[in-house]
Amino acid sequence: MQNCFTTRSRVAGCAAPACISRSISHRFSRQAGRNTRSARVQATAAVQTNAELLAAAQKLAQLSQEKAEQAAIDQQTDLVSELSQAAGTNVVLQEINDGTFKGYTLSGQTAQRFSSVITLGVLSFNLYQPKDLKIKTLGTDSGGVFKGRRDDTATAYVITTPFEVVEQQGEGEGAEVTHTGIKGRSLAIGEYALAADNPQRLTIKFKKMRLEPASVEPAELQRWLDTFAAANPSMDPATGVMEVDLPAKSPEGWMDYLMMTPEFQLVQGNFGSKTLLQRV
């Protein structure tokens, strides 16, 4: 009975059915790996050489920064999506996925939320107190997004939302908003995974929320503590930082990538909101 050895030189001379099967499987596996790498190289090259797509993405970022009319933003978003689909850049490429980004909310519930005064509870799934405290988000609408290694997690996904505590008199467009100067950041911290059955999708599982002051300058830190410490006993009295674990059964979200380039990423979340990410 012929032996089947595991070393490459001996496998080549092995005629046993199991050896032949493994040899064929190995060749197909190597070919599949080469095909995957080739597809990624081609997609990355398409991104880097498609001047029309990059120009359209840059214009979309500009429209968002300028708070243009929603119709103009929607039209430009559709154009970017169409150009990306034609270029084959509407898939997740691991090589350019990770990084630090600033986010521009373009449409959907998220855009509506970040364009108005909201409560601390809305921002934090009611995990921060006092949950009825009025706040206004700052910066580039949805703040910042980080994907990649963080602490001991290789696939961390973190959304940072800067905000300011405000006082509001009245409701609607005629409401009077007073800025207090008390500023901080809320971090939604989770992990992402590449969807096995959808090359456009990342699944997101958020695990904790972190609340922190924007400044450690003594006077500003004291105002922060005066506002939040009593209502949040777990807050560190020295730093003003607090982390809250989300329930183990908290729902998963996902994002479909309408465009992924080295500089820009256009995503649509599971509630339909669209966001443009720009690498920083």
C-alpha atoms as a PDB file:
ATOM      1  CA  MET A   1       0.000   0.000   0.000  1.00  0.00           C
ATOM      2  CA  GLN A   2       1.464   3.312  -1.110  1.00  0.00           C
ATOM      3  CA  ASN A   3       2.206   5.918   1.568  1.00  0.00           C
ATOM      4  CA  CYS A   4       1.053   9.536   1.183  1.00  0.00           C
ATOM      5  CA  PHE A   5       3.663  11.942   2.550  1.00  0.00           C
ATOM      6  CA  THR A   6       3.029  15.551   3.531  1.00  0.00           C
ATOM      7  CA  THR A   7       6.205  17.174   2.209  1.00  0.00           C
ATOM      8  CA  ARG A   8       5.907  18.872  -1.159  1.00  0.00           C
ATOM      9  CA  SER A   9       8.579  16.729  -2.892  1.00  0.00           C
ATOM     10  CA  ARG A  10       6.904  13.512  -1.852  1.00  0.00           C
ATOM     11  CA  VAL A  11       3.356  14.655  -2.594  1.00  0.00           C
ATOM     12  CA  ALA A  12       4.396  15.223  -6.181  1.00  0.00           C
ATOM     13  CA  GLY A  13       5.122  11.488  -6.528  1.00  0.00           C
ATOM     14  CA  CYS A  14       2.111  10.252  -4.618  1.00  0.00           C
ATOM     15  CA  ALA A  15      -0.667   8.650  -6.681  1.00  0.00           C
ATOM     16  CA  ALA A  16      -3.033   7.833  -3.820  1.00  0.00           C
ATOM     17  CA  PRO A  17      -6.547   9.349  -4.284  1.00  0.00           C
ATOM     18  CA  ALA A  18      -6.236  11.391  -1.079  1.00  0.00           C
ATOM     19  CA  CYS A  19      -2.925  12.870  -2.273  1.00  0.00           C
ATOM     20  CA  ILE A  20      -4.354  13.714  -5.691  1.00  0.00           C
ATOM     21  CA  SER A  21      -7.367  15.364  -4.069  1.00  0.00           C
ATOM     22  CA  ARG A  22      -5.203  17.455  -1.765  1.00  0.00           C
ATOM     23  CA  SER A  23      -2.904  18.439  -4.629  1.00  0.00           C
ATOM     24  CA  ILE A  24      -5.805  19.599  -6.797  1.00  0.00           C
ATOM     25  CA  SER A  25      -7.366  21.449  -3.845  1.00  0.00           C
ATOM     26  CA  HIS A  26      -4.049  23.138  -3.111  1.00  0.00           C
ATOM     27  CA  ARG A  27      -3.708  24.306  -6.734  1.00  0.00           C
ATOM     28  CA  PHE A  28      -7.247  25.704  -6.760  1.00  0.00           C
ATOM     29  CA  SER A  29      -6.629  27.434  -3.426  1.00  0.00           C
ATOM     30  CA  ARG A  30      -3.464  29.096  -4.710  1.00  0.00           C
ATOM     31  CA  GLN A  31      -5.266  30.153  -7.898  1.00  0.00           C
ATOM     32  CA  ALA A  32      -8.165  31.595  -5.888  1.00  0.00           C
ATOM     33  CA  GLY A  33      -5.699  33.534  -3.751  1.00  0.00           C
ATOM     34  CA  ARG A  34      -4.004  34.936  -6.861  1.00  0.00           C
ATOM     35  CA  ASN A  35      -7.385  35.896  -8.337  1.00  0.00           C
ATOM     36  CA  THR A  36      -8.384  37.711  -5.133  1.00  0.00           C
ATOM     37  CA  ARG A  37      -5.103  39.615  -4.985  1.00  0.00           C
ATOM     38  CA  SER A  38      -5.387  40.483  -8.673  1.00  0.00           C
ATOM     39  CA  ALA A  39      -8.931  41.796  -8.206  1.00  0.00           C
ATOM     40  CA  ARG A  40      -7.816  43.964  -5.294  1.00  0.00           C
ATOM     41  CA  VAL A  41      -4.860  45.356  -7.235  1.00  0.00           C
ATOM     42  CA  GLN A  42      -7.119  46.184 -10.175  1.00  0.00           C
ATOM     43  CA  ALA A  43      -9.743  47.801  -7.947  1.00  0.00           C
ATOM     44  CA  THR A  44      -7.142  49.895  -6.135  1.00  0.00           C
ATOM     45  CA  ALA A  45      -5.657  50.980  -9.461  1.00  0.00           C
ATOM     46  CA  ALA A  46      -9.119  51.944 -10.701  1.00  0.00           C
ATOM     47  CA  VAL A  47      -9.585  54.119  -7.632  1.00  0.00           C
ATOM     48  CA  GLN A  48      -6.275  55.873  -7.999  1.00  0.00           C
ATOM     49  CA  THR A  49      -6.657  56.612 -11.729  1.00  0.00           C
ATOM     50  CA  ASN A  50     -10.342  57.600 -11.823  1.00  0.00           C
ATOM     51  CA  ALA A  51     -10.075  61.376 -11.712  1.00  0.00           C
ATOM     52  CA  GLU A  52     -13.807  61.886 -12.359  1.00  0.00           C
ATOM     53  CA  LEU A  53     -14.781  59.793  -9.330  1.00  0.00           C
ATOM     54  CA  LEU A  54     -12.299  61.530  -7.041  1.00  0.00           C
ATOM     55  CA  ALA A  55     -13.432  64.965  -8.212  1.00  0.00           C
ATOM     56  CA  ALA A  56     -17.073  64.022  -7.613  1.00  0.00           C
ATOM     57  CA  ALA A  57     -16.257  62.819  -4.080  1.00  0.00           C
ATOM     58  CA  GLN A  58     -14.361  66.032  -3.318  1.00  0.00           C
ATOM     59  CA  LYS A  59     -17.320  68.102  -4.519  1.00  0.00           C
ATOM     60  CA  LEU A  60     -19.652  66.057  -2.306  1.00  0.00           C
ATOM     61  CA  ALA A  61     -17.491  66.825   0.726  1.00  0.00           C
ATOM     62  CA  GLN A  62     -17.505  70.502  -0.213  1.00  0.00           C
ATOM     63  CA  LEU A  63     -21.294  70.593  -0.555  1.00  0.00           C
ATOM     64  CA  SER A  64     -21.666  69.010   2.864  1.00  0.00           C
ATOM     65  CA  GLN A  65     -19.230  71.453   4.470  1.00  0.00           C
ATOM     66  CA  GLU A  66     -21.063  74.388   2.913  1.00  0.00           C
ATOM     67  CA  LYS A  67     -24.453  73.093   4.156  1.00  0.00           C
ATOM     68  CA  ALA A  68     -25.787  73.106   0.606  1.00  0.00           C
ATOM     69  CA  GLU A  69     -29.414  72.393  -0.262  1.00  0.00           C
ATOM     70  CA  GLN A  70     -30.383  68.773   0.392  1.00  0.00           C
ATOM     71  CA  ALA A  71     -31.415  68.299  -3.245  1.00  0.00           C
ATOM     72  CA  ALA A  72     -27.902  69.242  -4.421  1.00  0.00           C
ATOM     73  CA  ILE A  73     -26.296  66.897  -1.880  1.00  0.00           C
ATOM     74  CA  ASP A  74     -28.607  64.033  -2.887  1.00  0.00           C
ATOM     75  CA  GLN A  75     -27.861  64.575  -6.581  1.00  0.00           C
ATOM     76  CA  GLN A  76     -24.105  64.567  -5.988  1.00  0.00           C
ATOM     77  CA  THR A  77     -24.377  61.496  -3.746  1.00  0.00           C
ATOM     78  CA  ASP A  78     -26.180  59.624  -6.524  1.00  0.00           C
ATOM     79  CA  LEU A  79     -23.496  60.669  -9.014  1.00  0.00           C
ATOM     80  CA  VAL A  80     -20.697  59.405  -6.773  1.00  0.00           C
ATOM     81  CA  SER A  81     -22.533  56.114  -6.271  1.00  0.00           C
ATOM     82  CA  GLU A  82     -23.031  55.624 -10.011  1.00  0.00           C
ATOM     83  CA  LEU A  83     -19.407  56.430 -10.866  1.00  0.00           C
ATOM     84  CA  SER A  84     -18.170  54.134  -8.116  1.00  0.00           C
ATOM     85  CA  GLN A  85     -20.325  51.242  -9.281  1.00  0.00           C
ATOM     86  CA  ALA A  86     -19.067  51.702 -12.838  1.00  0.00           C
ATOM     87  CA  ALA A  87     -15.451  51.733 -11.600  1.00  0.00           C
ATOM     88  CA  GLY A  88     -15.959  48.675  -9.402  1.00  0.00           C
ATOM     89  CA  THR A  89     -14.998  50.580  -6.248  1.00  0.00           C
ATOM     90  CA  ASN A  90     -18.232  49.862  -4.356  1.00  0.00           C
ATOM     91  CA  VAL A  91     -16.688  46.986  -2.381  1.00  0.00           C
ATOM     92  CA  VAL A  92     -14.707  46.746   0.854  1.00  0.00           C
ATOM     93  CA  LEU A  93     -10.957  46.477   0.285  1.00  0.00           C
ATOM     94  CA  GLN A  94      -9.177  45.443   3.465  1.00  0.00           C
ATOM     95  CA  GLU A  95      -5.987  47.149   2.272  1.00  0.00           C
ATOM     96  CA  ILE A  96      -7.602  50.613   2.405  1.00  0.00           C
ATOM     97  CA  ASN A  97     -10.420  49.971   4.885  1.00  0.00           C
ATOM     98  CA  ASP A  98      -8.759  50.940   8.159  1.00  0.00           C
ATOM     99  CA  GLY A  99      -7.780  54.424   9.240  1.00  0.00           C
ATOM    100  CA  THR A 100      -9.008  57.616  10.888  1.00  0.00           C
ATOM    101  CA  PHE A 101     -11.741  59.583   9.131  1.00  0.00           C
ATOM    102  CA  LYS A 102     -13.919  62.628   9.616  1.00  0.00           C
ATOM    103  CA  GLY A 103     -17.537  62.086   8.734  1.00  0.00           C
ATOM    104  CA  TYR A 104     -20.065  64.173   6.823  1.00  0.00           C
ATOM    105  CA  THR A 105     -23.671  63.108   7.315  1.00  0.00           C
ATOM    106  CA  LEU A 106     -25.483  63.470   4.018  1.00  0.00           C
ATOM    107  CA  SER A 107     -29.031  62.206   4.407  1.00  0.00           C
ATOM    108  CA  GLY A 108     -31.427  60.166   6.507  1.00  0.00           C
ATOM    109  CA  GLN A 109     -32.191  60.061  10.220  1.00  0.00           C
ATOM    110  CA  THR A 110     -28.573  60.678  11.210  1.00  0.00           C
ATOM    111  CA  ALA A 111     -28.387  63.902   9.208  1.00  0.00           C
ATOM    112  CA  GLN A 112     -31.633  65.137  10.753  1.00  0.00           C
ATOM    113  CA  ARG A 113     -30.387  64.304  14.244  1.00  0.00           C
ATOM    114  CA  PHE A 114     -27.078  66.119  13.877  1.00  0.00           C
ATOM    115  CA  SER A 115     -28.619  69.231  12.331  1.00  0.00           C
ATOM    116  CA  SER A 116     -30.655  70.146  15.420  1.00  0.00           C
ATOM    117  CA  VAL A 117     -30.502  70.318  19.195  1.00  0.00           C
ATOM    118  CA  ILE A 118     -30.912  66.844  20.705  1.00  0.00           C
ATOM    119  CA  THR A 119     -30.808  65.381  24.200  1.00  0.00           C
ATOM    120  CA  LEU A 120     -27.933  63.567  25.849  1.00  0.00           C
ATOM    121  CA  GLY A 121     -30.141  60.488  26.001  1.00  0.00           C
ATOM    122  CA  VAL A 122     -30.607  60.432  22.230  1.00  0.00           C
ATOM    123  CA  LEU A 123     -26.849  60.613  21.760  1.00  0.00           C
ATOM    124  CA  SER A 124     -26.075  57.817  24.211  1.00  0.00           C
ATOM    125  CA  PHE A 125     -28.955  55.301  24.089  1.00  0.00           C
ATOM    126  CA  ASN A 126     -29.984  56.834  27.467  1.00  0.00           C
ATOM    127  CA  LEU A 127     -26.744  55.632  29.072  1.00  0.00           C
ATOM    128  CA  TYR A 128     -25.492  59.109  30.033  1.00  0.00           C
ATOM    129  CA  GLN A 129     -27.270  61.252  32.590  1.00  0.00           C
ATOM    130  CA  PRO A 130     -29.034  63.622  32.795  1.00  0.00           C
ATOM    131  CA  LYS A 131     -30.649  62.164  29.692  1.00  0.00           C
ATOM    132  CA  ASP A 132     -32.834  65.242  29.081  1.00  0.00           C
ATOM    133  CA  LEU A 133     -29.865  67.625  28.964  1.00  0.00           C
ATOM    134  CA  LYS A 134     -29.845  69.601  25.695  1.00  0.00           C
ATOM    135  CA  ILE A 135     -26.752  69.346  23.501  1.00  0.00           C
ATOM    136  CA  LYS A 136     -25.625  70.372  20.001  1.00  0.00           C
ATOM    137  CA  THR A 137     -23.127  68.328  18.036  1.00  0.00           C
ATOM    138  CA  LEU A 138     -20.023  70.114  16.762  1.00  0.00           C
ATOM    139  CA  GLY A 139     -17.438  69.651  14.031  1.00  0.00           C
ATOM    140  CA  THR A 140     -18.163  67.780  10.821  1.00  0.00           C
ATOM    141  CA  ASP A 141     -21.644  66.611  11.757  1.00  0.00           C
ATOM    142  CA  SER A 142     -20.983  62.987  12.683  1.00  0.00           C
ATOM    143  CA  GLY A 143     -17.535  63.789  14.045  1.00  0.00           C
ATOM    144  CA  GLY A 144     -14.866  61.189  13.496  1.00  0.00           C
ATOM    145  CA  VAL A 145     -14.717  57.508  12.629  1.00  0.00           C
ATOM    146  CA  PHE A 146     -11.802  55.229  13.436  1.00  0.00           C
ATOM    147  CA  LYS A 147     -11.381  51.727  12.025  1.00  0.00           C
ATOM    148  CA  GLY A 148      -8.464  49.464  12.922  1.00  0.00           C
ATOM    149  CA  ARG A 149      -6.301  48.428  15.847  1.00  0.00           C
ATOM    150  CA  ARG A 150      -7.220  49.935  19.225  1.00  0.00           C
ATOM    151  CA  ASP A 151      -5.759  48.549  22.441  1.00  0.00           C
ATOM    152  CA  ASP A 152      -5.979  44.764  22.025  1.00  0.00           C
ATOM    153  CA  THR A 153      -8.626  44.822  19.272  1.00  0.00           C
ATOM    154  CA  ALA A 154      -7.493  44.630  15.640  1.00  0.00           C
ATOM    155  CA  THR A 155     -10.908  45.479  14.163  1.00  0.00           C
ATOM    156  CA  ALA A 156     -12.114  48.316  16.388  1.00  0.00           C
ATOM    157  CA  TYR A 157     -14.809  50.664  15.119  1.00  0.00           C
ATOM    158  CA  VAL A 158     -15.174  53.962  17.003  1.00  0.00           C
ATOM    159  CA  ILE A 159     -17.492  56.891  16.268  1.00  0.00           C
ATOM    160  CA  THR A 160     -16.493  60.112  18.044  1.00  0.00           C
ATOM    161  CA  THR A 161     -19.106  62.840  18.343  1.00  0.00           C
ATOM    162  CA  PRO A 162     -18.026  66.219  19.758  1.00  0.00           C
ATOM    163  CA  PHE A 163     -20.809  68.229  21.386  1.00  0.00           C
ATOM    164  CA  GLU A 164     -21.616  71.285  23.482  1.00  0.00           C
ATOM    165  CA  VAL A 165     -24.191  71.604  26.235  1.00  0.00           C
ATOM    166  CA  VAL A 166     -26.771  74.230  25.275  1.00  0.00           C
ATOM    167  CA  GLU A 167     -29.859  75.856  26.736  1.00  0.00           C
ATOM    168  CA  GLN A 168     -32.915  76.053  24.528  1.00  0.00           C
ATOM    169  CA  GLN A 169     -35.966  78.248  24.856  1.00  0.00           C
ATOM    170  CA  GLY A 170     -38.895  77.272  22.666  1.00  0.00           C
ATOM    171  CA  GLU A 171     -39.141  74.645  19.967  1.00  0.00           C
ATOM    172  CA  GLY A 172     -38.662  74.397  16.228  1.00  0.00           C
ATOM    173  CA  GLU A 173     -36.946  76.888  13.949  1.00  0.00           C
ATOM    174  CA  GLY A 174     -37.855  79.808  16.233  1.00  0.00           C
ATOM    175  CA  ALA A 175     -36.167  78.296  19.296  1.00  0.00           C
ATOM    176  CA  GLU A 176     -33.512  80.393  21.023  1.00  0.00           C
ATOM    177  CA  VAL A 177     -30.310  78.445  21.701  1.00  0.00           C
ATOM    178  CA  THR A 178     -27.689  79.631  24.198  1.00  0.00           C
ATOM    179  CA  HIS A 179     -24.203  78.120  24.117  1.00  0.00           C
ATOM    180  CA  THR A 180     -22.757  77.291  27.527  1.00  0.00           C
ATOM    181  CA  GLY A 181     -19.172  76.543  26.508  1.00  0.00           C
ATOM    182  CA  ILE A 182     -19.306  73.150  28.249  1.00  0.00           C
ATOM    183  CA  LYS A 183     -17.907  70.812  25.599  1.00  0.00           C
ATOM    184  CA  GLY A 184     -17.132  67.123  25.428  1.00  0.00           C
ATOM    185  CA  ARG A 185     -16.998  64.025  23.282  1.00  0.00           C
ATOM    186  CA  SER A 186     -19.078  60.876  23.123  1.00  0.00           C
ATOM    187  CA  LEU A 187     -17.400  57.740  21.782  1.00  0.00           C
ATOM    188  CA  ALA A 188     -19.398  54.746  20.562  1.00  0.00           C
ATOM    189  CA  ILE A 189     -16.873  51.889  20.710  1.00  0.00           C
ATOM    190  CA  GLY A 190     -17.342  48.569  18.961  1.00  0.00           C
ATOM    191  CA  GLU A 191     -15.867  46.102  16.498  1.00  0.00           C
ATOM    192  CA  TYR A 192     -16.411  45.516  12.817  1.00  0.00           C
ATOM    193  CA  ALA A 193     -16.364  42.357  10.724  1.00  0.00           C
ATOM    194  CA  LEU A 194     -16.295  41.796   6.984  1.00  0.00           C
ATOM    195  CA  ALA A 195     -19.618  40.295   5.919  1.00  0.00           C
ATOM    196  CA  ALA A 196     -19.015  36.818   4.539  1.00  0.00           C
ATOM    197  CA  ASP A 197     -21.886  36.960   2.045  1.00  0.00           C
ATOM    198  CA  ASN A 198     -21.691  40.596   0.916  1.00  0.00           C
ATOM    199  CA  PRO A 199     -18.448  42.198  -0.387  1.00  0.00           C
ATOM    200  CA  GLN A 200     -19.934  45.676   0.141  1.00  0.00           C
ATOM    201  CA  ARG A 201     -20.750  45.281   3.819  1.00  0.00           C
ATOM    202  CA  LEU A 202     -19.208  45.698   7.243  1.00  0.00           C
ATOM    203  CA  THR A 203     -21.184  44.534  10.265  1.00  0.00           C
ATOM    204  CA  ILE A 204     -20.802  46.625  13.426  1.00  0.00           C
ATOM    205  CA  LYS A 205     -21.273  45.515  17.030  1.00  0.00           C
ATOM    206  CA  PHE A 206     -21.064  48.353  19.562  1.00  0.00           C
ATOM    207  CA  LYS A 207     -19.895  47.311  23.020  1.00  0.00           C
ATOM    208  CA  LYS A 208     -19.466  50.442  25.122  1.00  0.00           C
ATOM    209  CA  MET A 209     -19.987  54.196  25.276  1.00  0.00           C
ATOM    210  CA  ARG A 210     -17.397  56.660  26.583  1.00  0.00           C
ATOM    211  CA  LEU A 211     -18.070  60.213  27.746  1.00  0.00           C
ATOM    212  CA  GLU A 212     -15.129  62.603  28.155  1.00  0.00           C
ATOM    213  CA  PRO A 213     -14.502  66.354  28.461  1.00  0.00           C
ATOM    214  CA  ALA A 214     -13.043  68.270  25.540  1.00  0.00           C
ATOM    215  CA  SER A 215     -10.513  70.011  27.775  1.00  0.00           C
ATOM    216  CA  VAL A 216      -8.599  69.192  30.954  1.00  0.00           C
ATOM    217  CA  GLU A 217      -7.977  72.865  31.724  1.00  0.00           C
ATOM    218  CA  PRO A 218      -8.941  73.136  35.445  1.00  0.00           C
ATOM    219  CA  ALA A 219     -11.747  75.682  35.133  1.00  0.00           C
ATOM    220  CA  GLU A 220     -13.345  73.948  32.149  1.00  0.00           C
ATOM    221  CA  LEU A 221     -12.936  70.514  33.719  1.00  0.00           C
ATOM    222  CA  GLN A 222     -14.643  71.745  36.895  1.00  0.00           C
ATOM    223  CA  ARG A 223     -17.633  73.040  34.908  1.00  0.00           C
ATOM    224  CA  TRP A 224     -17.818  69.648  33.206  1.00  0.00           C
ATOM    225  CA  LEU A 225     -17.771  67.827  36.552  1.00  0.00           C
ATOM    226  CA  ASP A 226     -20.385  70.167  38.001  1.00  0.00           C
ATOM    227  CA  THR A 227     -22.662  69.283  35.073  1.00  0.00           C
ATOM    228  CA  PHE A 228     -22.175  65.509  34.909  1.00  0.00           C
ATOM    229  CA  ALA A 229     -20.477  64.002  37.974  1.00  0.00           C
ATOM    230  CA  ALA A 230     -23.441  63.918  40.376  1.00  0.00           C
ATOM    231  CA  ALA A 231     -25.727  62.240  37.841  1.00  0.00           C
ATOM    232  CA  ASN A 232     -23.054  59.724  36.779  1.00  0.00           C
ATOM    233  CA  PRO A 233     -21.475  58.124  39.886  1.00  0.00           C
ATOM    234  CA  SER A 234     -19.083  56.014  37.808  1.00  0.00           C
ATOM    235  CA  MET A 235     -17.427  59.108  36.330  1.00  0.00           C
ATOM    236  CA  ASP A 236     -13.768  59.496  37.275  1.00  0.00           C
ATOM    237  CA  PRO A 237     -13.636  62.666  39.435  1.00  0.00           C
ATOM    238  CA  ALA A 238     -10.048  63.362  38.405  1.00  0.00           C
ATOM    239  CA  THR A 239     -10.504  63.171  34.621  1.00  0.00           C
ATOM    240  CA  GLY A 240     -14.244  63.517  34.031  1.00  0.00           C
ATOM    241  CA  VAL A 241     -14.218  60.345  31.937  1.00  0.00           C
ATOM    242  CA  MET A 242     -16.890  57.662  32.103  1.00  0.00           C
ATOM    243  CA  GLU A 243     -17.310  54.381  30.205  1.00  0.00           C
ATOM    244  CA  VAL A 244     -20.542  52.379  30.150  1.00  0.00           C
ATOM    245  CA  ASP A 245     -20.861  48.845  28.786  1.00  0.00           C
ATOM    246  CA  LEU A 246     -23.691  48.208  26.375  1.00  0.00           C
ATOM    247  CA  PRO A 247     -25.919  45.181  27.014  1.00  0.00           C
ATOM    248  CA  ALA A 248     -24.451  41.932  25.679  1.00  0.00           C
ATOM    249  CA  LYS A 249     -27.515  41.481  23.464  1.00  0.00           C
ATOM    250  CA  SER A 250     -27.307  44.950  21.935  1.00  0.00           C
ATOM    251  CA  PRO A 251     -28.252  44.797  18.245  1.00  0.00           C
ATOM    252  CA  GLU A 252     -25.730  44.700  15.424  1.00  0.00           C
ATOM    253  CA  GLY A 253     -25.685  47.308  12.709  1.00  0.00           C
ATOM    254  CA  TRP A 254     -24.149  47.294   9.281  1.00  0.00           C
ATOM    255  CA  MET A 255     -22.845  49.619   6.604  1.00  0.00           C
ATOM    256  CA  ASP A 256     -22.839  49.083   2.851  1.00  0.00           C
ATOM    257  CA  TYR A 257     -19.973  50.752   0.996  1.00  0.00           C
ATOM    258  CA  LEU A 258     -21.153  52.652  -2.059  1.00  0.00           C
ATOM    259  CA  MET A 259     -17.562  53.810  -2.618  1.00  0.00           C
ATOM    260  CA  MET A 260     -14.198  52.985  -1.087  1.00  0.00           C
ATOM    261  CA  THR A 261     -11.130  54.892  -2.231  1.00  0.00           C
ATOM    262  CA  PRO A 262      -7.851  55.646  -0.443  1.00  0.00           C
ATOM    263  CA  GLU A 263      -9.175  59.095   0.561  1.00  0.00           C
ATOM    264  CA  PHE A 264     -12.983  58.857   0.560  1.00  0.00           C
ATOM    265  CA  GLN A 265     -15.527  56.247   1.610  1.00  0.00           C
ATOM    266  CA  LEU A 266     -19.266  56.621   0.991  1.00  0.00           C
ATOM    267  CA  VAL A 267     -21.429  54.393   3.186  1.00  0.00           C
ATOM    268  CA  GLN A 268     -25.108  53.680   3.741  1.00  0.00           C
ATOM    269  CA  GLY A 269     -26.168  52.395   7.141  1.00  0.00           C
ATOM    270  CA  ASN A 270     -28.859  49.912   8.017  1.00  0.00           C
ATOM    271  CA  PHE A 271     -31.341  52.724   8.723  1.00  0.00           C
ATOM    272  CA  GLY A 272     -30.718  54.278   5.291  1.00  0.00           C
ATOM    273  CA  SER A 273     -28.539  57.215   6.388  1.00  0.00           C
ATOM    274  CA  LYS A 274     -25.649  58.048   4.079  1.00  0.00           C
ATOM    275  CA  THR A 275     -22.295  59.333   5.318  1.00  0.00           C
ATOM    276  CA  LEU A 276     -19.144  60.433   3.492  1.00  0.00           C
ATOM    277  CA  LEU A 277     -15.894  59.565   5.283  1.00  0.00           C
ATOM    278  CA  GLN A 278     -12.699  61.455   4.461  1.00  0.00           C
ATOM    279  CA  ARG A 279      -9.358  60.093   5.632  1.00  0.00           C
ATOM    280  CA  VAL A 280      -7.322  62.400   7.890  1.00  0.00           C
END
